[in-house]
Amino acid sequence: MSESDLSPVEPSPLVAGFGKQLRALREHRQVSRESVGKRAGFSASTIGAFERGERIPDQRSACALDAALNAHQVLACVGEDLEKEQYPRKFDQLFRLEAEALSLSIYDTNVVNGLLQTEAYARALFETRVPHHGEGKATQLLAERLERQKLLARVPTPTLVFILDEAVVRRRTGSRAIMQAQLEWLLELGQLKHIHILVLPFDCEEPVGAIGPLTLLETPERRTLGYVEVQEQGTLLSDKETVSALRQRFDMIQVNALRPADSACLIRRRLEEL
């Protein structure tokens, strides 16, 4: 399975137009995708994805493509506008797949996963983001996050496994009251039969979670996709070898995590400390 096997998200007119312009310029110059890619620092398949509107280049990429084709700023001039479209496209596809998932296996290292956050906890994260979102944007993002959480009560119920690094429950986010309510909510959710909340303890001797947070998602077609995110830059993965590696890493994290009952005890102890 390749990235192109993912259900497509219709490109916006800007993205589609950029792709058509890129292809037209390349064909006018009578150069191959391989040649353009070599000049701009991309693979031939990535150039093809740009041309079809399946990938959105950022400003730097648009400038590199412009230089590779000697396009006299025809491509570079829209780089900033293209960059603005990256965020919603990537996350819209993830959230759509998430809403339909048969199962999710998620490991988090810094904050409680968005699907498990209380409204107050999520608001505290959005309001303290740097640079600041602004009141209107923060309100919009909060509403979208709460909408995603309908998955928890969906029928038929998905199987949801959340593994939290102990740092997630130890680090206070927001006020004491906000964190107390968040931990209480985790304990309540953990009592549901389809939701399994585990904690990877500090005293785990194996560095199984050192590579960072990850998500595995099973689609209604029984395909498994991976998702990783760093500094708000997310990547949806479908390559079999890559997803297999993520599955193996998640399995090792789960093996070293506390059982659900012991995880609940740790969360309860942390709640009593606050």
C-alpha atoms as a PDB file:
ATOM      1  CA  MET A   1       0.000   0.000   0.000  1.00  0.00           C
ATOM      2  CA  SER A   2       1.355   3.427  -0.884  1.00  0.00           C
ATOM      3  CA  GLU A   3       0.405   6.924   0.156  1.00  0.00           C
ATOM      4  CA  SER A   4      -1.705   7.196  -3.003  1.00  0.00           C
ATOM      5  CA  ASP A   5      -3.952   4.400  -1.661  1.00  0.00           C
ATOM      6  CA  LEU A   6      -5.376   6.784   0.914  1.00  0.00           C
ATOM      7  CA  SER A   7      -8.846   8.144   0.180  1.00  0.00           C
ATOM      8  CA  PRO A   8      -8.206  11.386  -1.690  1.00  0.00           C
ATOM      9  CA  VAL A   9      -9.030  14.825  -0.393  1.00  0.00           C
ATOM     10  CA  GLU A  10     -10.152  17.064  -3.261  1.00  0.00           C
ATOM     11  CA  PRO A  11      -7.454  19.696  -3.818  1.00  0.00           C
ATOM     12  CA  SER A  12      -8.447  23.322  -3.556  1.00  0.00           C
ATOM     13  CA  PRO A  13      -8.471  25.433  -6.730  1.00  0.00           C
ATOM     14  CA  LEU A  14      -5.181  27.021  -5.655  1.00  0.00           C
ATOM     15  CA  VAL A  15      -3.454  23.677  -5.081  1.00  0.00           C
ATOM     16  CA  ALA A  16      -4.877  22.153  -8.255  1.00  0.00           C
ATOM     17  CA  GLY A  17      -3.895  25.241 -10.261  1.00  0.00           C
ATOM     18  CA  PHE A  18      -0.353  25.196  -8.900  1.00  0.00           C
ATOM     19  CA  GLY A  19      -0.038  21.539  -9.901  1.00  0.00           C
ATOM     20  CA  LYS A  20      -1.284  22.187 -13.430  1.00  0.00           C
ATOM     21  CA  GLN A  21       1.065  25.160 -13.797  1.00  0.00           C
ATOM     22  CA  LEU A  22       3.997  23.082 -12.544  1.00  0.00           C
ATOM     23  CA  ARG A  23       3.265  20.347 -15.057  1.00  0.00           C
ATOM     24  CA  ALA A  24       2.747  22.788 -17.904  1.00  0.00           C
ATOM     25  CA  LEU A  25       6.067  24.487 -17.184  1.00  0.00           C
ATOM     26  CA  ARG A  26       7.880  21.176 -16.893  1.00  0.00           C
ATOM     27  CA  GLU A  27       6.477  19.885 -20.184  1.00  0.00           C
ATOM     28  CA  HIS A  28       7.182  23.225 -21.882  1.00  0.00           C
ATOM     29  CA  ARG A  29      10.816  22.919 -20.770  1.00  0.00           C
ATOM     30  CA  GLN A  30      10.743  19.283 -21.965  1.00  0.00           C
ATOM     31  CA  VAL A  31      12.235  17.920 -18.752  1.00  0.00           C
ATOM     32  CA  SER A  32      11.258  14.851 -16.770  1.00  0.00           C
ATOM     33  CA  ARG A  33       9.965  14.702 -13.231  1.00  0.00           C
ATOM     34  CA  GLU A  34      13.230  13.030 -12.255  1.00  0.00           C
ATOM     35  CA  SER A  35      15.217  15.945 -13.652  1.00  0.00           C
ATOM     36  CA  VAL A  36      13.085  18.595 -11.919  1.00  0.00           C
ATOM     37  CA  GLY A  37      13.172  16.623  -8.698  1.00  0.00           C
ATOM     38  CA  LYS A  38      16.948  16.352  -8.778  1.00  0.00           C
ATOM     39  CA  ARG A  39      17.293  20.103  -9.233  1.00  0.00           C
ATOM     40  CA  ALA A  40      14.738  20.978  -6.544  1.00  0.00           C
ATOM     41  CA  GLY A  41      15.608  18.270  -4.030  1.00  0.00           C
ATOM     42  CA  PHE A  42      12.557  15.997  -4.450  1.00  0.00           C
ATOM     43  CA  SER A  43      11.880  12.517  -5.759  1.00  0.00           C
ATOM     44  CA  ALA A  44      10.097  12.073  -9.076  1.00  0.00           C
ATOM     45  CA  SER A  45       7.073  10.680  -7.232  1.00  0.00           C
ATOM     46  CA  THR A  46       6.880  13.832  -5.100  1.00  0.00           C
ATOM     47  CA  ILE A  47       6.956  16.012  -8.215  1.00  0.00           C
ATOM     48  CA  GLY A  48       4.060  13.926  -9.539  1.00  0.00           C
ATOM     49  CA  ALA A  49       2.157  14.376  -6.280  1.00  0.00           C
ATOM     50  CA  PHE A  50       2.661  18.149  -6.516  1.00  0.00           C
ATOM     51  CA  GLU A  51       1.364  18.131 -10.091  1.00  0.00           C
ATOM     52  CA  ARG A  52      -1.751  16.138  -9.154  1.00  0.00           C
ATOM     53  CA  GLY A  53      -2.480  18.306  -6.108  1.00  0.00           C
ATOM     54  CA  GLU A  54      -1.943  15.383  -3.731  1.00  0.00           C
ATOM     55  CA  ARG A  55       0.809  17.195  -1.844  1.00  0.00           C
ATOM     56  CA  ILE A  56       0.960  20.854  -0.966  1.00  0.00           C
ATOM     57  CA  PRO A  57       4.397  22.473  -1.193  1.00  0.00           C
ATOM     58  CA  ASP A  58       5.411  25.021   1.405  1.00  0.00           C
ATOM     59  CA  GLN A  59       6.943  28.360   0.454  1.00  0.00           C
ATOM     60  CA  ARG A  60      10.495  27.025   0.360  1.00  0.00           C
ATOM     61  CA  SER A  61       9.467  24.117  -1.869  1.00  0.00           C
ATOM     62  CA  ALA A  62       7.589  26.422  -4.250  1.00  0.00           C
ATOM     63  CA  CYS A  63      10.704  28.592  -4.559  1.00  0.00           C
ATOM     64  CA  ALA A  64      12.884  25.534  -5.203  1.00  0.00           C
ATOM     65  CA  LEU A  65      10.529  24.327  -7.936  1.00  0.00           C
ATOM     66  CA  ASP A  66      10.440  27.811  -9.451  1.00  0.00           C
ATOM     67  CA  ALA A  67      14.238  27.924  -9.575  1.00  0.00           C
ATOM     68  CA  ALA A  68      14.473  24.401 -10.988  1.00  0.00           C
ATOM     69  CA  LEU A  69      12.224  25.372 -13.898  1.00  0.00           C
ATOM     70  CA  ASN A  70      13.504  28.960 -14.264  1.00  0.00           C
ATOM     71  CA  ALA A  71       9.879  30.046 -13.882  1.00  0.00           C
ATOM     72  CA  HIS A  72      10.597  33.698 -13.042  1.00  0.00           C
ATOM     73  CA  GLN A  73       8.526  33.667  -9.804  1.00  0.00           C
ATOM     74  CA  VAL A  74       5.426  32.181 -11.470  1.00  0.00           C
ATOM     75  CA  LEU A  75       5.495  29.331  -8.914  1.00  0.00           C
ATOM     76  CA  ALA A  76       7.301  31.050  -6.066  1.00  0.00           C
ATOM     77  CA  CYS A  77       4.804  33.915  -5.817  1.00  0.00           C
ATOM     78  CA  VAL A  78       2.048  31.637  -4.469  1.00  0.00           C
ATOM     79  CA  GLY A  79       4.250  29.767  -1.992  1.00  0.00           C
ATOM     80  CA  GLU A  80       3.019  31.685   1.020  1.00  0.00           C
ATOM     81  CA  ASP A  81      -0.624  31.089   0.095  1.00  0.00           C
ATOM     82  CA  LEU A  82       0.005  27.379  -0.458  1.00  0.00           C
ATOM     83  CA  GLU A  83       1.618  27.105   2.958  1.00  0.00           C
ATOM     84  CA  LYS A  84      -1.563  28.378   4.589  1.00  0.00           C
ATOM     85  CA  GLU A  85      -3.502  25.461   3.100  1.00  0.00           C
ATOM     86  CA  GLN A  86      -1.280  22.721   4.497  1.00  0.00           C
ATOM     87  CA  TYR A  87      -2.662  22.624   8.035  1.00  0.00           C
ATOM     88  CA  PRO A  88      -6.355  22.035   7.333  1.00  0.00           C
ATOM     89  CA  ARG A  89      -5.723  19.555   4.536  1.00  0.00           C
ATOM     90  CA  LYS A  90      -3.468  17.268   6.580  1.00  0.00           C
ATOM     91  CA  PHE A  91      -5.618  17.276   9.659  1.00  0.00           C
ATOM     92  CA  ASP A  92      -8.952  17.089   7.842  1.00  0.00           C
ATOM     93  CA  GLN A  93      -7.905  13.789   6.301  1.00  0.00           C
ATOM     94  CA  LEU A  94      -6.656  12.438   9.630  1.00  0.00           C
ATOM     95  CA  PHE A  95      -9.829  13.442  11.465  1.00  0.00           C
ATOM     96  CA  ARG A  96     -12.054  11.929   8.773  1.00  0.00           C
ATOM     97  CA  LEU A  97     -10.201   8.624   8.984  1.00  0.00           C
ATOM     98  CA  GLU A  98     -10.200   8.803  12.773  1.00  0.00           C
ATOM     99  CA  ALA A  99     -13.986   9.250  12.912  1.00  0.00           C
ATOM    100  CA  GLU A 100     -14.495   6.063  10.873  1.00  0.00           C
ATOM    101  CA  ALA A 101     -11.753   3.976  12.494  1.00  0.00           C
ATOM    102  CA  LEU A 102     -12.414   0.471  13.763  1.00  0.00           C
ATOM    103  CA  SER A 103      -9.579   0.852  16.244  1.00  0.00           C
ATOM    104  CA  LEU A 104      -6.969   3.338  17.402  1.00  0.00           C
ATOM    105  CA  SER A 105      -3.706   2.637  19.208  1.00  0.00           C
ATOM    106  CA  ILE A 106      -2.123   5.849  20.475  1.00  0.00           C
ATOM    107  CA  TYR A 107       1.003   6.679  22.476  1.00  0.00           C
ATOM    108  CA  ASP A 108       1.481  10.203  23.851  1.00  0.00           C
ATOM    109  CA  THR A 109       4.489  11.662  25.606  1.00  0.00           C
ATOM    110  CA  ASN A 110       3.718  15.277  26.555  1.00  0.00           C
ATOM    111  CA  VAL A 111       0.013  16.023  26.910  1.00  0.00           C
ATOM    112  CA  VAL A 112      -3.216  14.064  27.197  1.00  0.00           C
ATOM    113  CA  ASN A 113      -4.440  13.002  23.771  1.00  0.00           C
ATOM    114  CA  GLY A 114      -7.012  15.323  22.227  1.00  0.00           C
ATOM    115  CA  LEU A 115      -9.668  12.598  22.240  1.00  0.00           C
ATOM    116  CA  LEU A 116      -9.379  12.334  26.022  1.00  0.00           C
ATOM    117  CA  GLN A 117      -9.064  16.007  26.946  1.00  0.00           C
ATOM    118  CA  THR A 118     -11.617  17.867  29.006  1.00  0.00           C
ATOM    119  CA  GLU A 119     -12.816  21.131  27.545  1.00  0.00           C
ATOM    120  CA  ALA A 120     -10.924  23.129  30.175  1.00  0.00           C
ATOM    121  CA  TYR A 121      -7.671  21.199  29.596  1.00  0.00           C
ATOM    122  CA  ALA A 122      -7.926  21.679  25.819  1.00  0.00           C
ATOM    123  CA  ARG A 123      -8.689  25.385  26.248  1.00  0.00           C
ATOM    124  CA  ALA A 124      -5.640  25.795  28.483  1.00  0.00           C
ATOM    125  CA  LEU A 125      -3.457  24.283  25.747  1.00  0.00           C
ATOM    126  CA  PHE A 126      -4.887  26.463  22.984  1.00  0.00           C
ATOM    127  CA  GLU A 127      -4.748  29.659  25.036  1.00  0.00           C
ATOM    128  CA  THR A 128      -1.082  29.192  25.989  1.00  0.00           C
ATOM    129  CA  ARG A 129       0.156  28.210  22.519  1.00  0.00           C
ATOM    130  CA  VAL A 130       3.112  30.194  21.172  1.00  0.00           C
ATOM    131  CA  PRO A 131       2.533  32.089  18.963  1.00  0.00           C
ATOM    132  CA  HIS A 132      -0.922  32.802  20.325  1.00  0.00           C
ATOM    133  CA  HIS A 133      -3.846  31.632  18.193  1.00  0.00           C
ATOM    134  CA  GLY A 134      -6.096  34.573  18.984  1.00  0.00           C
ATOM    135  CA  GLU A 135      -9.492  34.200  20.648  1.00  0.00           C
ATOM    136  CA  GLY A 136     -11.444  33.372  17.503  1.00  0.00           C
ATOM    137  CA  LYS A 137      -9.034  30.708  16.274  1.00  0.00           C
ATOM    138  CA  ALA A 138      -8.711  29.135  19.724  1.00  0.00           C
ATOM    139  CA  THR A 139     -12.496  28.902  20.004  1.00  0.00           C
ATOM    140  CA  GLN A 140     -12.712  27.266  16.570  1.00  0.00           C
ATOM    141  CA  LEU A 141     -10.016  24.714  17.394  1.00  0.00           C
ATOM    142  CA  LEU A 142     -11.677  23.909  20.713  1.00  0.00           C
ATOM    143  CA  ALA A 143     -14.999  23.244  18.985  1.00  0.00           C
ATOM    144  CA  GLU A 144     -13.281  20.970  16.457  1.00  0.00           C
ATOM    145  CA  ARG A 145     -11.556  19.031  19.222  1.00  0.00           C
ATOM    146  CA  LEU A 146     -14.805  18.460  21.101  1.00  0.00           C
ATOM    147  CA  GLU A 147     -16.452  17.369  17.852  1.00  0.00           C
ATOM    148  CA  ARG A 148     -13.750  14.731  17.382  1.00  0.00           C
ATOM    149  CA  GLN A 149     -14.552  13.289  20.786  1.00  0.00           C
ATOM    150  CA  LYS A 150     -17.905  12.006  19.526  1.00  0.00           C
ATOM    151  CA  LEU A 151     -15.832   9.001  18.460  1.00  0.00           C
ATOM    152  CA  LEU A 152     -15.722   7.879  22.106  1.00  0.00           C
ATOM    153  CA  ALA A 153     -19.497   7.301  22.155  1.00  0.00           C
ATOM    154  CA  ARG A 154     -19.889   6.134  18.574  1.00  0.00           C
ATOM    155  CA  VAL A 155     -21.964   3.068  17.709  1.00  0.00           C
ATOM    156  CA  PRO A 156     -20.566   0.634  16.743  1.00  0.00           C
ATOM    157  CA  THR A 157     -17.917   1.267  19.334  1.00  0.00           C
ATOM    158  CA  PRO A 158     -14.293   1.377  18.207  1.00  0.00           C
ATOM    159  CA  THR A 159     -11.514  -0.289  20.204  1.00  0.00           C
ATOM    160  CA  LEU A 160      -9.365   2.478  21.647  1.00  0.00           C
ATOM    161  CA  VAL A 161      -5.997   1.940  23.342  1.00  0.00           C
ATOM    162  CA  PHE A 162      -4.263   4.989  24.799  1.00  0.00           C
ATOM    163  CA  ILE A 163      -0.810   4.751  26.358  1.00  0.00           C
ATOM    164  CA  LEU A 164       0.319   7.816  28.261  1.00  0.00           C
ATOM    165  CA  ASP A 165       3.895   8.382  29.304  1.00  0.00           C
ATOM    166  CA  GLU A 166       3.902   8.989  33.045  1.00  0.00           C
ATOM    167  CA  ALA A 167       5.075  12.541  32.338  1.00  0.00           C
ATOM    168  CA  VAL A 168       1.637  13.247  30.856  1.00  0.00           C
ATOM    169  CA  VAL A 169      -0.111  12.670  34.189  1.00  0.00           C
ATOM    170  CA  ARG A 170       2.704  14.175  36.267  1.00  0.00           C
ATOM    171  CA  ARG A 171       3.021  17.447  34.354  1.00  0.00           C
ATOM    172  CA  ARG A 172       0.344  19.912  35.410  1.00  0.00           C
ATOM    173  CA  THR A 173      -1.394  21.625  32.513  1.00  0.00           C
ATOM    174  CA  GLY A 174      -3.473  24.626  33.483  1.00  0.00           C
ATOM    175  CA  SER A 175      -4.609  25.201  37.045  1.00  0.00           C
ATOM    176  CA  ARG A 176      -4.753  22.575  39.786  1.00  0.00           C
ATOM    177  CA  ALA A 177      -8.510  22.325  39.306  1.00  0.00           C
ATOM    178  CA  ILE A 178      -8.138  21.798  35.555  1.00  0.00           C
ATOM    179  CA  MET A 179      -5.621  19.008  36.043  1.00  0.00           C
ATOM    180  CA  GLN A 180      -7.695  17.363  38.764  1.00  0.00           C
ATOM    181  CA  ALA A 181     -10.758  17.327  36.503  1.00  0.00           C
ATOM    182  CA  GLN A 182      -8.656  15.918  33.647  1.00  0.00           C
ATOM    183  CA  LEU A 183      -7.338  13.039  35.746  1.00  0.00           C
ATOM    184  CA  GLU A 184     -10.825  12.286  37.041  1.00  0.00           C
ATOM    185  CA  TRP A 185     -12.062  12.177  33.450  1.00  0.00           C
ATOM    186  CA  LEU A 186      -9.301   9.714  32.503  1.00  0.00           C
ATOM    187  CA  LEU A 187     -10.377   7.446  35.363  1.00  0.00           C
ATOM    188  CA  GLU A 188     -13.998   7.646  34.259  1.00  0.00           C
ATOM    189  CA  LEU A 189     -13.221   6.916  30.625  1.00  0.00           C
ATOM    190  CA  GLY A 190     -11.000   4.018  31.620  1.00  0.00           C
ATOM    191  CA  GLN A 191     -14.014   2.229  33.069  1.00  0.00           C
ATOM    192  CA  LEU A 192     -15.612   1.914  29.628  1.00  0.00           C
ATOM    193  CA  LYS A 193     -15.107  -1.505  28.069  1.00  0.00           C
ATOM    194  CA  HIS A 194     -13.900  -0.225  24.705  1.00  0.00           C
ATOM    195  CA  ILE A 195     -11.427   2.327  26.082  1.00  0.00           C
ATOM    196  CA  HIS A 196      -8.130   1.124  27.544  1.00  0.00           C
ATOM    197  CA  ILE A 197      -5.887   3.685  29.230  1.00  0.00           C
ATOM    198  CA  LEU A 198      -2.379   2.580  30.176  1.00  0.00           C
ATOM    199  CA  VAL A 199       0.591   4.446  31.651  1.00  0.00           C
ATOM    200  CA  LEU A 200       4.216   3.853  30.681  1.00  0.00           C
ATOM    201  CA  PRO A 201       5.964   4.385  34.044  1.00  0.00           C
ATOM    202  CA  PHE A 202       9.126   6.353  34.685  1.00  0.00           C
ATOM    203  CA  ASP A 203      10.818   3.244  36.070  1.00  0.00           C
ATOM    204  CA  CYS A 204      10.544   1.378  32.761  1.00  0.00           C
ATOM    205  CA  GLU A 205      14.148   0.360  32.067  1.00  0.00           C
ATOM    206  CA  GLU A 206      13.669  -0.110  28.332  1.00  0.00           C
ATOM    207  CA  PRO A 207      13.739   3.140  26.261  1.00  0.00           C
ATOM    208  CA  VAL A 208      10.761   1.906  24.248  1.00  0.00           C
ATOM    209  CA  GLY A 209       9.039   5.274  23.959  1.00  0.00           C
ATOM    210  CA  ALA A 210      12.104   7.330  23.176  1.00  0.00           C
ATOM    211  CA  ILE A 211      11.234   7.724  19.498  1.00  0.00           C
ATOM    212  CA  GLY A 212       8.178   9.826  20.355  1.00  0.00           C
ATOM    213  CA  PRO A 213       4.379   9.786  20.067  1.00  0.00           C
ATOM    214  CA  LEU A 214       2.614   7.726  17.439  1.00  0.00           C
ATOM    215  CA  THR A 215      -0.856   6.679  16.294  1.00  0.00           C
ATOM    216  CA  LEU A 216      -2.030   3.516  14.541  1.00  0.00           C
ATOM    217  CA  LEU A 217      -5.445   3.615  12.895  1.00  0.00           C
ATOM    218  CA  GLU A 218      -7.465   0.695  11.507  1.00  0.00           C
ATOM    219  CA  THR A 219      -9.848   1.689   8.714  1.00  0.00           C
ATOM    220  CA  PRO A 220     -13.212   0.058   7.928  1.00  0.00           C
ATOM    221  CA  GLU A 221     -11.388  -1.737   5.063  1.00  0.00           C
ATOM    222  CA  ARG A 222      -9.074  -3.348   7.657  1.00  0.00           C
ATOM    223  CA  ARG A 223      -6.104  -1.289   6.524  1.00  0.00           C
ATOM    224  CA  THR A 224      -3.703  -0.003   9.147  1.00  0.00           C
ATOM    225  CA  LEU A 225      -2.342   3.521   8.785  1.00  0.00           C
ATOM    226  CA  GLY A 226       0.217   5.314  10.896  1.00  0.00           C
ATOM    227  CA  TYR A 227       0.393   8.927  11.972  1.00  0.00           C
ATOM    228  CA  VAL A 228       3.258  10.843  13.562  1.00  0.00           C
ATOM    229  CA  GLU A 229       3.456  14.494  14.495  1.00  0.00           C
ATOM    230  CA  VAL A 230       6.287  16.817  15.515  1.00  0.00           C
ATOM    231  CA  GLN A 231       5.836  20.531  16.240  1.00  0.00           C
ATOM    232  CA  GLU A 232       2.355  20.519  14.642  1.00  0.00           C
ATOM    233  CA  GLN A 233       3.739  18.961  11.465  1.00  0.00           C
ATOM    234  CA  GLY A 234       1.848  15.714  10.960  1.00  0.00           C
ATOM    235  CA  THR A 235       2.461  12.867   8.528  1.00  0.00           C
ATOM    236  CA  LEU A 236      -0.053  10.183   7.599  1.00  0.00           C
ATOM    237  CA  LEU A 237       1.679   6.917   6.666  1.00  0.00           C
ATOM    238  CA  SER A 238       0.481   3.864   4.747  1.00  0.00           C
ATOM    239  CA  ASP A 239       3.682   2.219   3.510  1.00  0.00           C
ATOM    240  CA  LYS A 240       3.583  -1.356   4.837  1.00  0.00           C
ATOM    241  CA  GLU A 241       7.167  -1.414   6.073  1.00  0.00           C
ATOM    242  CA  THR A 242       6.833   1.918   7.867  1.00  0.00           C
ATOM    243  CA  VAL A 243       3.509   1.021   9.481  1.00  0.00           C
ATOM    244  CA  SER A 244       4.909  -2.358  10.542  1.00  0.00           C
ATOM    245  CA  ALA A 245       7.770  -0.597  12.312  1.00  0.00           C
ATOM    246  CA  LEU A 246       5.295   1.657  14.125  1.00  0.00           C
ATOM    247  CA  ARG A 247       3.233  -1.389  15.144  1.00  0.00           C
ATOM    248  CA  GLN A 248       6.300  -3.146  16.544  1.00  0.00           C
ATOM    249  CA  ARG A 249       7.271  -0.040  18.515  1.00  0.00           C
ATOM    250  CA  PHE A 250       3.762   0.372  19.875  1.00  0.00           C
ATOM    251  CA  ASP A 251       3.667  -3.289  20.902  1.00  0.00           C
ATOM    252  CA  MET A 252       6.916  -2.884  22.845  1.00  0.00           C
ATOM    253  CA  ILE A 253       5.544   0.222  24.562  1.00  0.00           C
ATOM    254  CA  GLN A 254       2.366  -1.660  25.491  1.00  0.00           C
ATOM    255  CA  VAL A 255       4.320  -4.623  26.857  1.00  0.00           C
ATOM    256  CA  ASN A 256       6.219  -2.293  29.180  1.00  0.00           C
ATOM    257  CA  ALA A 257       3.209  -0.203  30.227  1.00  0.00           C
ATOM    258  CA  LEU A 258       1.262  -0.813  33.430  1.00  0.00           C
ATOM    259  CA  ARG A 259      -1.926  -2.840  33.204  1.00  0.00           C
ATOM    260  CA  PRO A 260      -5.127  -0.754  33.061  1.00  0.00           C
ATOM    261  CA  ALA A 261      -5.917  -1.359  36.738  1.00  0.00           C
ATOM    262  CA  ASP A 262      -2.377  -0.439  37.831  1.00  0.00           C
ATOM    263  CA  SER A 263      -2.421   2.569  35.508  1.00  0.00           C
ATOM    264  CA  ALA A 264      -5.662   3.740  37.141  1.00  0.00           C
ATOM    265  CA  CYS A 265      -3.995   3.411  40.554  1.00  0.00           C
ATOM    266  CA  LEU A 266      -1.083   5.586  39.406  1.00  0.00           C
ATOM    267  CA  ILE A 267      -3.458   8.219  38.019  1.00  0.00           C
ATOM    268  CA  ARG A 268      -5.452   8.123  41.256  1.00  0.00           C
ATOM    269  CA  ARG A 269      -2.303   8.615  43.346  1.00  0.00           C
ATOM    270  CA  ARG A 270      -1.327  11.593  41.195  1.00  0.00           C
ATOM    271  CA  LEU A 271      -4.826  13.020  41.649  1.00  0.00           C
ATOM    272  CA  GLU A 272      -4.468  12.753  45.437  1.00  0.00           C
ATOM    273  CA  GLU A 273      -1.127  14.601  45.275  1.00  0.00           C
ATOM    274  CA  LEU A 274      -2.621  17.654  43.584  1.00  0.00           C
END
